[in-house]
Amino acid sequence: MKFRLKIYSAIFIVLLSIGISGFMLFENMSLINAIYFSIVTMATVGYGDIHPKTEIGKILTIIIIIGGVGTFLSIVASITDVFVNRREEKIRQEKVNMVLGLFFSEMGNDLLKHFVQFDHEVDGLYKNLKISTEWENEEFNNAYQLLKKHRVSINSHKGDLAALLTCMQSRADLLLRLIENPTIQEHEHFTELLRAIFHLRDELSHRNNLSELLDSDRKHLEGDISRVYKLLIFEWLRYLRYIKKNYGYLFSLAIRTNPFDPEATIAVKN
C-alpha cells in the first residue's frame, strides 16, 4: 500500500513539474499561475479562469489530464486506504492483546512459574526481568537483547513434570479456543508458541510415569520445555510492554505477580 502510494506520488510530482515548466515556457504564465493551473487541471476542478492559449499549451494540458487525473485520484484513494488500514490494524492489535491478556491470566503466568523451577540459570532472569513501573522503552529493549543472549538451561529434576502436565491438561479448552481464533492465527509468534505448548503437552501425556524416565528421554523433554519457555518469555515481555503503555492497572498487577521477581507480592505496598 505505501509502496503504491510512493509510485503514484512520484508520477504526480513528475507530471506536475512538466506542467509547471511547460506552462511557464509556452504560455508565459508566472510560477504561481503555472502551479495553480497544473493542480486544478490534475484535480479535475477546472475553474476556467486560466486556460491555455497556444496549441502546445493545449496539447500539454491534454497530457496532464490523461496522465495526471488518474494519478491524482489514485493518490487520494491510496492515502485513504493507508489511514483505513492503519485503523483496522490498530483494532486488530487490540484484539490480539486482549486474547494474550486472557492467555497469561488463565495459563501463561502459571506455565512461567513451573518453568522457572526447571531453569538452572534463572538467576540471570531474576536480575534482568525485575520489571518496575519506572521501566520505559529503553529498559524493555535492553531486556529483549539480554533475553536473546540468555542460555536457557533446563533441569527437569528441579521441577515437577506431573504438575506441569496437569497445568496444561486443565486448560485444554482454552488452548483449543485460542488456536481456533482467527485473530491469533495472524500473530505468527504466538501461534508458534501455542503449537509448542500442544507438542509439549502431548509429549508429557504419552509417558506413563514421568518420575521414571531414561536420561535420553528426559533430555528430549527438556528440549521441548526450553522451546516453550523461551517463546513464552518473549511473548510475556512483549505483552507487559504493551500494557505498560496502555493499561497501567493491568501492568500494576503483572509486576506484582512477576514470576521472575522472587520478592514480588500481590499486596499493594504504596
Foldseek 3Di string as FASTA:
>chain_A
DVVVLVVLVVLQVVLLVVQLVCCCVPVVDDSVVSNVVLVCLLCVVCPPPDDGDDPSNVVSSVVSNVRRVVSVVVNVVVVVVVVVVVVVVVVLVVVLLVLVLVCCVLALLVLLLQQCQFFPPLLVVLVLVLDDLPDDPVSLVVSVVVLVVDDGDGDPVRGDLVVSLVSLVVCVVSLVVQLPDPSNVVVVLVNVLSVLSVVLNVLSVVDPDPVDDDPVSVVVSRVSSVVNNSSSVVSLSVSLNVCSVPPVVSNVQCSLSPSSHPPRHNDDDD
